[in-house]
């Protein structure tokens, strides 16, 4: 089984690629954000730690869950708080991922397991992934996508871009670069070629 970590800047178009992999190659796709959300539900160890950390912030819904939009605004504007949150959530996500990888390897059925994570490199997933793949898209294309699809302002987009790795860092740390600047068919052809080369 090949375990691939997929990363790239926000707005790079990773979702469509992940959907394609999940549909066409018998692949299990894990999303670090979704895992983190599950681990941040009330009653979990992560939730208790974060509730204490952010007890003075207006980030809770009436039912006791985190208001994710408010939480995101707080951590994108404050690097120290972002680092504190990451220090709680990301080790828990990584532990869960390691358990799933071990289970899939022991199962011996799946040929390809994929993890998408924004902090794939920063959290040293190269230690457990067989390969890291970088989905590259031009910065201005990403900006326009985020304005259209999410309604983000330039200020918010700049905040997000500034919080992520540079293109050089992504390229330096990943074994494969997928260019997603053009038509989706061209991108998927690159994916298919990479999988053929890896006998998947």
Foldseek 3Di string as FASTA:
>chain_A
DAEEEEEEAALLPVVVVQVCCVPPAVEAEAELVVLLQVQCAPPHPLVVVVCVVCVVAPQADPVGGGNVVRVVVVCLVDVVVVVVSCVRRVVVSVVVVVVVVVVVVVVVPHDYYYYYDHCCVVSPVVVPGPFYEYRDEDPVSSVVSCCVVPVDDPVVSVSRVVVGDDPVVSVVRGPYYQYPHDDVVSRVVVVVVVCVVVVD
